[in-house]
Amino acid sequence: NRAPYGSWTAISKPPFFTALALWPKGDAWGGG
């Protein structure tokens, strides 16, 4: 809930959250 994206969906390789691809969302409606 902070800039630059607020919220987003991403793909990573576990056990890491580092995004391999990222889709900015901005709100909590939908996502994932």
Full PDB file with SEQRES, HELIX, SHEET, SSBOND, CRYST1, ORIGX, SCALE, CONECT and MASTER records, all heavy atoms in Angstrom:
SEQRES   1 A   32  ASN ARG ALA PRO TYR GLY SER TRP THR ALA ILE SER LYS          
SEQRES   2 A   32  PRO PRO PHE PHE THR ALA LEU ALA LEU TRP PRO LYS GLY          
SEQRES   3 A   32  ASP ALA TRP GLY GLY GLY                                      
SHEET    1 AA1 2 TRP A   8  ILE A  11  0                                        
SHEET    2 AA1 2 ALA A  21  PRO A  24 -1                                        
CRYST1    1.000    1.000    1.000  90.00  90.00  90.00 P 1           1          
ORIGX1      1.000000  0.000000  0.000000        0.00000                         
ORIGX2      0.000000  1.000000  0.000000        0.00000                         
ORIGX3      0.000000  0.000000  1.000000        0.00000                         
SCALE1      1.000000  0.000000  0.000000        0.00000                         
SCALE2      0.000000  1.000000  0.000000        0.00000                         
SCALE3      0.000000  0.000000  1.000000        0.00000                         
ATOM      1  N   ASN A   1       0.820  -1.215   0.000  1.00  0.00           N  
ATOM      2  CA  ASN A   1       0.000   0.000   0.000  1.00  0.00           C  
ATOM      3  C   ASN A   1       0.852   1.262   0.000  1.00  0.00           C  
ATOM      4  O   ASN A   1       0.487   2.281   0.583  1.00  0.00           O  
ATOM      5  CB  ASN A   1      -0.998  -0.025   1.168  1.00  0.00           C  
ATOM      6  CG  ASN A   1      -1.922  -1.204   1.058  1.00  0.00           C  
ATOM      7  OD1 ASN A   1      -2.484  -1.463  -0.012  1.00  0.00           O  
ATOM      8  ND2 ASN A   1      -2.068  -1.958   2.134  1.00  0.00           N  
ATOM      9  N   ARG A   2       2.005   1.161  -0.660  1.00  0.00           N  
ATOM     10  CA  ARG A   2       2.915   2.298  -0.837  1.00  0.00           C  
ATOM     11  C   ARG A   2       3.342   2.352  -2.297  1.00  0.00           C  
ATOM     12  O   ARG A   2       3.254   1.364  -3.024  1.00  0.00           O  
ATOM     13  CB  ARG A   2       4.159   2.127   0.043  1.00  0.00           C  
ATOM     14  CG  ARG A   2       3.885   2.205   1.531  1.00  0.00           C  
ATOM     15  CD  ARG A   2       5.183   2.199   2.321  1.00  0.00           C  
ATOM     16  NE  ARG A   2       6.066   1.130   1.891  1.00  0.00           N  
ATOM     17  CZ  ARG A   2       6.386   0.082   2.623  1.00  0.00           C  
ATOM     18  NH1 ARG A   2       5.903  -0.053   3.824  1.00  0.00           N  
ATOM     19  NH2 ARG A   2       7.201  -0.841   2.166  1.00  0.00           N  
ATOM     20  N   ALA A   3       3.827   3.506  -2.715  1.00  0.00           N  
ATOM     21  CA  ALA A   3       4.329   3.682  -4.080  1.00  0.00           C  
ATOM     22  C   ALA A   3       5.528   2.760  -4.287  1.00  0.00           C  
ATOM     23  O   ALA A   3       6.211   2.419  -3.325  1.00  0.00           O  
ATOM     24  CB  ALA A   3       4.722   5.140  -4.297  1.00  0.00           C  
ATOM     25  N   PRO A   4       5.818   2.294  -5.462  1.00  0.00           N  
ATOM     26  CA  PRO A   4       5.217   2.713  -6.721  1.00  0.00           C  
ATOM     27  C   PRO A   4       3.981   1.905  -7.129  1.00  0.00           C  
ATOM     28  O   PRO A   4       3.236   2.350  -7.992  1.00  0.00           O  
ATOM     29  CB  PRO A   4       6.336   2.493  -7.736  1.00  0.00           C  
ATOM     30  CG  PRO A   4       7.102   1.330  -7.190  1.00  0.00           C  
ATOM     31  CD  PRO A   4       7.010   1.465  -5.688  1.00  0.00           C  
ATOM     32  N   TYR A   5       3.727   0.718  -6.542  1.00  0.00           N  
ATOM     33  CA  TYR A   5       2.635  -0.118  -7.043  1.00  0.00           C  
ATOM     34  C   TYR A   5       1.452  -0.233  -6.098  1.00  0.00           C  
ATOM     35  O   TYR A   5       0.334  -0.439  -6.543  1.00  0.00           O  
ATOM     36  CB  TYR A   5       3.135  -1.538  -7.361  1.00  0.00           C  
ATOM     37  CG  TYR A   5       4.218  -1.577  -8.393  1.00  0.00           C  
ATOM     38  CD1 TYR A   5       5.434  -2.189  -8.130  1.00  0.00           C  
ATOM     39  CD2 TYR A   5       4.045  -0.992  -9.628  1.00  0.00           C  
ATOM     40  CE1 TYR A   5       6.438  -2.221  -9.079  1.00  0.00           C  
ATOM     41  CE2 TYR A   5       5.044  -1.010 -10.587  1.00  0.00           C  
ATOM     42  CZ  TYR A   5       6.237  -1.625 -10.301  1.00  0.00           C  
ATOM     43  OH  TYR A   5       7.232  -1.652 -11.230  1.00  0.00           O  
ATOM     44  N   GLY A   6       1.639  -0.192  -4.814  1.00  0.00           N  
ATOM     45  CA  GLY A   6       0.556  -0.415  -3.864  1.00  0.00           C  
ATOM     46  C   GLY A   6       0.297  -1.894  -3.669  1.00  0.00           C  
ATOM     47  O   GLY A   6       0.467  -2.435  -2.592  1.00  0.00           O  
ATOM     48  N   SER A   7      -0.122  -2.562  -4.746  1.00  0.00           N  
ATOM     49  CA  SER A   7      -0.294  -4.013  -4.730  1.00  0.00           C  
ATOM     50  C   SER A   7       0.059  -4.554  -6.107  1.00  0.00           C  
ATOM     51  O   SER A   7       0.034  -3.820  -7.098  1.00  0.00           O  
ATOM     52  CB  SER A   7      -1.736  -4.388  -4.345  1.00  0.00           C  
ATOM     53  OG  SER A   7      -2.637  -3.943  -5.334  1.00  0.00           O  
ATOM     54  N   TRP A   8       0.381  -5.843  -6.165  1.00  0.00           N  
ATOM     55  CA  TRP A   8       0.808  -6.435  -7.431  1.00  0.00           C  
ATOM     56  C   TRP A   8       0.707  -7.957  -7.368  1.00  0.00           C  
ATOM     57  O   TRP A   8       0.629  -8.549  -6.303  1.00  0.00           O  
ATOM     58  CB  TRP A   8       2.255  -6.043  -7.755  1.00  0.00           C  
ATOM     59  CG  TRP A   8       3.244  -6.514  -6.735  1.00  0.00           C  
ATOM     60  CD1 TRP A   8       3.940  -7.684  -6.740  1.00  0.00           C  
ATOM     61  CD2 TRP A   8       3.624  -5.842  -5.535  1.00  0.00           C  
ATOM     62  NE1 TRP A   8       4.737  -7.782  -5.614  1.00  0.00           N  
ATOM     63  CE2 TRP A   8       4.558  -6.663  -4.865  1.00  0.00           C  
ATOM     64  CE3 TRP A   8       3.268  -4.627  -4.962  1.00  0.00           C  
ATOM     65  CZ2 TRP A   8       5.127  -6.301  -3.655  1.00  0.00           C  
ATOM     66  CZ3 TRP A   8       3.832  -4.269  -3.746  1.00  0.00           C  
ATOM     67  CH2 TRP A   8       4.763  -5.093  -3.111  1.00  0.00           C  
ATOM     68  N   THR A   9       0.718  -8.556  -8.542  1.00  0.00           N  
ATOM     69  CA  THR A   9       0.842 -10.001  -8.687  1.00  0.00           C  
ATOM     70  C   THR A   9       2.213 -10.256  -9.286  1.00  0.00           C  
ATOM     71  O   THR A   9       2.648  -9.519 -10.174  1.00  0.00           O  
ATOM     72  CB  THR A   9      -0.259 -10.569  -9.616  1.00  0.00           C  
ATOM     73  OG1 THR A   9      -1.523 -10.315  -9.017  1.00  0.00           O  
ATOM     74  CG2 THR A   9      -0.089 -12.058  -9.833  1.00  0.00           C  
ATOM     75  N   ALA A  10       2.902 -11.271  -8.795  1.00  0.00           N  
ATOM     76  CA  ALA A  10       4.243 -11.570  -9.297  1.00  0.00           C  
ATOM     77  C   ALA A  10       4.458 -13.078  -9.363  1.00  0.00           C  
ATOM     78  O   ALA A  10       3.749 -13.846  -8.718  1.00  0.00           O  
ATOM     79  CB  ALA A  10       5.309 -10.931  -8.407  1.00  0.00           C  
ATOM     80  N   ILE A  11       5.451 -13.464 -10.156  1.00  0.00           N  
ATOM     81  CA  ILE A  11       5.910 -14.850 -10.231  1.00  0.00           C  
ATOM     82  C   ILE A  11       7.323 -14.878  -9.674  1.00  0.00           C  
ATOM     83  O   ILE A  11       8.139 -14.009  -9.976  1.00  0.00           O  
ATOM     84  CB  ILE A  11       5.916 -15.367 -11.680  1.00  0.00           C  
ATOM     85  CG1 ILE A  11       4.497 -15.430 -12.222  1.00  0.00           C  
ATOM     86  CG2 ILE A  11       6.566 -16.742 -11.757  1.00  0.00           C  
ATOM     87  CD1 ILE A  11       4.423 -15.863 -13.672  1.00  0.00           C  
ATOM     88  N   SER A  12       7.610 -15.877  -8.828  1.00  0.00           N  
ATOM     89  CA  SER A  12       8.950 -16.019  -8.253  1.00  0.00           C  
ATOM     90  C   SER A  12       9.313 -17.497  -8.181  1.00  0.00           C  
ATOM     91  O   SER A  12       8.485 -18.364  -8.445  1.00  0.00           O  
ATOM     92  CB  SER A  12       9.005 -15.395  -6.857  1.00  0.00           C  
ATOM     93  OG  SER A  12       8.256 -16.160  -5.941  1.00  0.00           O  
ATOM     94  N   LYS A  13      10.579 -17.749  -7.801  1.00  0.00           N  
ATOM     95  CA  LYS A  13      11.059 -19.114  -7.570  1.00  0.00           C  
ATOM     96  C   LYS A  13      11.213 -19.307  -6.070  1.00  0.00           C  
ATOM     97  O   LYS A  13      12.061 -18.679  -5.441  1.00  0.00           O  
ATOM     98  CB  LYS A  13      12.412 -19.341  -8.260  1.00  0.00           C  
ATOM     99  CG  LYS A  13      12.324 -19.400  -9.767  1.00  0.00           C  
ATOM    100  CD  LYS A  13      13.681 -19.728 -10.372  1.00  0.00           C  
ATOM    101  CE  LYS A  13      13.571 -19.811 -11.882  1.00  0.00           C  
ATOM    102  NZ  LYS A  13      14.852 -20.139 -12.495  1.00  0.00           N  
ATOM    103  N   PRO A  14      10.372 -20.151  -5.466  1.00  0.00           N  
ATOM    104  CA  PRO A  14      10.463 -20.377  -4.018  1.00  0.00           C  
ATOM    105  C   PRO A  14      11.842 -20.906  -3.625  1.00  0.00           C  
ATOM    106  O   PRO A  14      12.436 -21.643  -4.407  1.00  0.00           O  
ATOM    107  CB  PRO A  14       9.396 -21.438  -3.749  1.00  0.00           C  
ATOM    108  CG  PRO A  14       8.482 -21.396  -4.918  1.00  0.00           C  
ATOM    109  CD  PRO A  14       9.305 -20.922  -6.076  1.00  0.00           C  
ATOM    110  N   PRO A  15      12.358 -20.484  -2.482  1.00  0.00           N  
ATOM    111  CA  PRO A  15      11.727 -19.780  -1.380  1.00  0.00           C  
ATOM    112  C   PRO A  15      11.936 -18.266  -1.403  1.00  0.00           C  
ATOM    113  O   PRO A  15      12.075 -17.643  -0.355  1.00  0.00           O  
ATOM    114  CB  PRO A  15      12.394 -20.409  -0.169  1.00  0.00           C  
ATOM    115  CG  PRO A  15      13.802 -20.640  -0.613  1.00  0.00           C  
ATOM    116  CD  PRO A  15      13.669 -21.017  -2.077  1.00  0.00           C  
ATOM    117  N   PHE A  16      11.942 -17.664  -2.577  1.00  0.00           N  
ATOM    118  CA  PHE A  16      12.179 -16.226  -2.687  1.00  0.00           C  
ATOM    119  C   PHE A  16      10.980 -15.517  -3.282  1.00  0.00           C  
ATOM    120  O   PHE A  16      10.272 -16.067  -4.118  1.00  0.00           O  
ATOM    121  CB  PHE A  16      13.439 -15.959  -3.526  1.00  0.00           C  
ATOM    122  CG  PHE A  16      14.654 -16.614  -2.954  1.00  0.00           C  
ATOM    123  CD1 PHE A  16      15.162 -17.784  -3.511  1.00  0.00           C  
ATOM    124  CD2 PHE A  16      15.272 -16.105  -1.828  1.00  0.00           C  
ATOM    125  CE1 PHE A  16      16.254 -18.420  -2.967  1.00  0.00           C  
ATOM    126  CE2 PHE A  16      16.378 -16.739  -1.263  1.00  0.00           C  
ATOM    127  CZ  PHE A  16      16.869 -17.900  -1.842  1.00  0.00           C  
ATOM    128  N   PHE A  17      10.762 -14.270  -2.865  1.00  0.00           N  
ATOM    129  CA  PHE A  17       9.702 -13.425  -3.393  1.00  0.00           C  
ATOM    130  C   PHE A  17      10.174 -12.576  -4.563  1.00  0.00           C  
ATOM    131  O   PHE A  17       9.375 -11.879  -5.172  1.00  0.00           O  
ATOM    132  CB  PHE A  17       9.172 -12.480  -2.300  1.00  0.00           C  
ATOM    133  CG  PHE A  17       8.326 -13.154  -1.255  1.00  0.00           C  
ATOM    134  CD1 PHE A  17       8.753 -13.229   0.055  1.00  0.00           C  
ATOM    135  CD2 PHE A  17       7.097 -13.690  -1.589  1.00  0.00           C  
ATOM    136  CE1 PHE A  17       7.963 -13.818   1.034  1.00  0.00           C  
ATOM    137  CE2 PHE A  17       6.299 -14.286  -0.631  1.00  0.00           C  
ATOM    138  CZ  PHE A  17       6.734 -14.355   0.683  1.00  0.00           C  
ATOM    139  N   THR A  18      11.460 -12.600  -4.879  1.00  0.00           N  
ATOM    140  CA  THR A  18      12.001 -11.776  -5.945  1.00  0.00           C  
ATOM    141  C   THR A  18      11.239 -12.038  -7.240  1.00  0.00           C  
ATOM    142  O   THR A  18      11.177 -13.160  -7.729  1.00  0.00           O  
ATOM    143  CB  THR A  18      13.501 -12.078  -6.156  1.00  0.00           C  
ATOM    144  OG1 THR A  18      14.173 -11.895  -4.902  1.00  0.00           O  
ATOM    145  CG2 THR A  18      14.104 -11.166  -7.200  1.00  0.00           C  
ATOM    146  N   ALA A  19      10.652 -10.975  -7.796  1.00  0.00           N  
ATOM    147  CA  ALA A  19       9.757 -11.105  -8.945  1.00  0.00           C  
ATOM    148  C   ALA A  19      10.512 -11.402 -10.235  1.00  0.00           C  
ATOM    149  O   ALA A  19      11.422 -10.672 -10.614  1.00  0.00           O  
ATOM    150  CB  ALA A  19       8.930  -9.837  -9.113  1.00  0.00           C  
ATOM    151  N   LEU A  20      10.105 -12.464 -10.915  1.00  0.00           N  
ATOM    152  CA  LEU A  20      10.590 -12.767 -12.261  1.00  0.00           C  
ATOM    153  C   LEU A  20       9.706 -12.069 -13.292  1.00  0.00           C  
ATOM    154  O   LEU A  20      10.156 -11.724 -14.377  1.00  0.00           O  
ATOM    155  CB  LEU A  20      10.580 -14.274 -12.502  1.00  0.00           C  
ATOM    156  CG  LEU A  20      11.391 -15.107 -11.508  1.00  0.00           C  
ATOM    157  CD1 LEU A  20      11.148 -16.594 -11.731  1.00  0.00           C  
ATOM    158  CD2 LEU A  20      12.867 -14.774 -11.628  1.00  0.00           C  
ATOM    159  N   ALA A  21       8.445 -11.886 -12.955  1.00  0.00           N  
ATOM    160  CA  ALA A  21       7.480 -11.099 -13.730  1.00  0.00           C  
ATOM    161  C   ALA A  21       6.562 -10.426 -12.722  1.00  0.00           C  
ATOM    162  O   ALA A  21       6.301 -10.983 -11.655  1.00  0.00           O  
ATOM    163  CB  ALA A  21       6.683 -11.987 -14.673  1.00  0.00           C  
ATOM    164  N   LEU A  22       6.078  -9.221 -13.062  1.00  0.00           N  
ATOM    165  CA  LEU A  22       5.283  -8.460 -12.108  1.00  0.00           C  
ATOM    166  C   LEU A  22       4.175  -7.712 -12.844  1.00  0.00           C  
ATOM    167  O   LEU A  22       4.422  -7.109 -13.892  1.00  0.00           O  
ATOM    168  CB  LEU A  22       6.189  -7.471 -11.377  1.00  0.00           C  
ATOM    169  CG  LEU A  22       5.555  -6.656 -10.268  1.00  0.00           C  
ATOM    170  CD1 LEU A  22       6.521  -6.547  -9.105  1.00  0.00           C  
ATOM    171  CD2 LEU A  22       5.163  -5.293 -10.745  1.00  0.00           C  
ATOM    172  N   TRP A  23       2.949  -7.800 -12.303  1.00  0.00           N  
ATOM    173  CA  TRP A  23       1.804  -7.082 -12.839  1.00  0.00           C  
ATOM    174  C   TRP A  23       1.303  -6.124 -11.770  1.00  0.00           C  
ATOM    175  O   TRP A  23       0.733  -6.564 -10.763  1.00  0.00           O  
ATOM    176  CB  TRP A  23       0.675  -8.048 -13.222  1.00  0.00           C  
ATOM    177  CG  TRP A  23       1.014  -8.930 -14.368  1.00  0.00           C  
ATOM    178  CD1 TRP A  23       0.733  -8.708 -15.682  1.00  0.00           C  
ATOM    179  CD2 TRP A  23       1.688 -10.194 -14.325  1.00  0.00           C  
ATOM    180  NE1 TRP A  23       1.182  -9.752 -16.446  1.00  0.00           N  
ATOM    181  CE2 TRP A  23       1.774 -10.679 -15.638  1.00  0.00           C  
ATOM    182  CE3 TRP A  23       2.224 -10.966 -13.286  1.00  0.00           C  
ATOM    183  CZ2 TRP A  23       2.371 -11.891 -15.945  1.00  0.00           C  
ATOM    184  CZ3 TRP A  23       2.825 -12.167 -13.590  1.00  0.00           C  
ATOM    185  CH2 TRP A  23       2.895 -12.614 -14.911  1.00  0.00           C  
ATOM    186  N   PRO A  24       1.500  -4.796 -11.936  1.00  0.00           N  
ATOM    187  CA  PRO A  24       1.007  -3.837 -10.939  1.00  0.00           C  
ATOM    188  C   PRO A  24      -0.518  -3.909 -10.850  1.00  0.00           C  
ATOM    189  O   PRO A  24      -1.196  -4.106 -11.859  1.00  0.00           O  
ATOM    190  CB  PRO A  24       1.446  -2.486 -11.487  1.00  0.00           C  
ATOM    191  CG  PRO A  24       2.508  -2.784 -12.486  1.00  0.00           C  
ATOM    192  CD  PRO A  24       2.216  -4.138 -13.022  1.00  0.00           C  
ATOM    193  N   LYS A  25      -1.044  -3.738  -9.651  1.00  0.00           N  
ATOM    194  CA  LYS A  25      -2.494  -3.802  -9.466  1.00  0.00           C  
ATOM    195  C   LYS A  25      -3.009  -2.501  -8.877  1.00  0.00           C  
ATOM    196  O   LYS A  25      -3.931  -1.914  -9.388  1.00  0.00           O  
ATOM    197  CB  LYS A  25      -2.832  -4.992  -8.547  1.00  0.00           C  
ATOM    198  CG  LYS A  25      -4.291  -5.235  -8.362  1.00  0.00           C  
ATOM    199  CD  LYS A  25      -4.873  -5.944  -9.566  1.00  0.00           C  
ATOM    200  CE  LYS A  25      -6.329  -6.272  -9.391  1.00  0.00           C  
ATOM    201  NZ  LYS A  25      -7.237  -5.151  -9.514  1.00  0.00           N  
ATOM    202  N   GLY A  26      -2.444  -2.056  -7.746  1.00  0.00           N  
ATOM    203  CA  GLY A  26      -2.849  -0.791  -7.157  1.00  0.00           C  
ATOM    204  C   GLY A  26      -3.943  -0.888  -6.117  1.00  0.00           C  
ATOM    205  O   GLY A  26      -4.095  -0.007  -5.287  1.00  0.00           O  
ATOM    206  N   ASP A  27      -4.766  -1.946  -6.156  1.00  0.00           N  
ATOM    207  CA  ASP A  27      -5.811  -2.128  -5.157  1.00  0.00           C  
ATOM    208  C   ASP A  27      -5.911  -3.610  -4.820  1.00  0.00           C  
ATOM    209  O   ASP A  27      -5.132  -4.415  -5.319  1.00  0.00           O  
ATOM    210  CB  ASP A  27      -7.156  -1.581  -5.653  1.00  0.00           C  
ATOM    211  CG  ASP A  27      -7.614  -2.225  -6.953  1.00  0.00           C  
ATOM    212  OD1 ASP A  27      -7.345  -3.429  -7.176  1.00  0.00           O  
ATOM    213  OD2 ASP A  27      -8.256  -1.539  -7.769  1.00  0.00           O  
ATOM    214  N   ALA A  28      -6.859  -3.962  -3.957  1.00  0.00           N  
ATOM    215  CA  ALA A  28      -6.971  -5.363  -3.530  1.00  0.00           C  
ATOM    216  C   ALA A  28      -8.141  -6.086  -4.196  1.00  0.00           C  
ATOM    217  O   ALA A  28      -8.501  -7.174  -3.787  1.00  0.00           O  
ATOM    218  CB  ALA A  28      -7.107  -5.429  -2.015  1.00  0.00           C  
ATOM    219  N   TRP A  29      -8.744  -5.490  -5.211  1.00  0.00           N  
ATOM    220  CA  TRP A  29      -9.840  -6.123  -5.940  1.00  0.00           C  
ATOM    221  C   TRP A  29      -9.260  -7.057  -6.987  1.00  0.00           C  
ATOM    222  O   TRP A  29      -8.662  -6.618  -7.959  1.00  0.00           O  
ATOM    223  CB  TRP A  29     -10.726  -5.069  -6.595  1.00  0.00           C  
ATOM    224  CG  TRP A  29     -11.404  -4.207  -5.592  1.00  0.00           C  
ATOM    225  CD1 TRP A  29     -10.982  -2.972  -5.166  1.00  0.00           C  
ATOM    226  CD2 TRP A  29     -12.578  -4.511  -4.857  1.00  0.00           C  
ATOM    227  NE1 TRP A  29     -11.832  -2.495  -4.206  1.00  0.00           N  
ATOM    228  CE2 TRP A  29     -12.832  -3.420  -3.998  1.00  0.00           C  
ATOM    229  CE3 TRP A  29     -13.448  -5.594  -4.826  1.00  0.00           C  
ATOM    230  CZ2 TRP A  29     -13.908  -3.387  -3.140  1.00  0.00           C  
ATOM    231  CZ3 TRP A  29     -14.521  -5.541  -3.967  1.00  0.00           C  
ATOM    232  CH2 TRP A  29     -14.747  -4.448  -3.139  1.00  0.00           C  
ATOM    233  N   GLY A  30      -9.422  -8.335  -6.787  1.00  0.00           N  
ATOM    234  CA  GLY A  30      -8.814  -9.298  -7.708  1.00  0.00           C  
ATOM    235  C   GLY A  30      -7.354  -9.485  -7.341  1.00  0.00           C  
ATOM    236  O   GLY A  30      -6.955  -9.356  -6.196  1.00  0.00           O  
ATOM    237  N   GLY A  31      -6.546  -9.800  -8.337  1.00  0.00           N  
ATOM    238  CA  GLY A  31      -5.132 -10.029  -8.097  1.00  0.00           C  
ATOM    239  C   GLY A  31      -4.831 -11.495  -7.873  1.00  0.00           C  
ATOM    240  O   GLY A  31      -5.710 -12.297  -7.581  1.00  0.00           O  
ATOM    241  N   GLY A  32      -3.578 -11.876  -8.066  1.00  0.00           N  
ATOM    242  CA  GLY A  32      -3.165 -13.262  -7.916  1.00  0.00           C  
ATOM    243  C   GLY A  32      -3.385 -14.041  -9.200  1.00  0.00           C  
ATOM    244  O   GLY A  32      -3.594 -13.470 -10.273  1.00  0.00           O  
TER     245      GLY A  32                                                      
MASTER        0    0    0    0    2    0    0    6  244    1    0    3          
END                                                                             
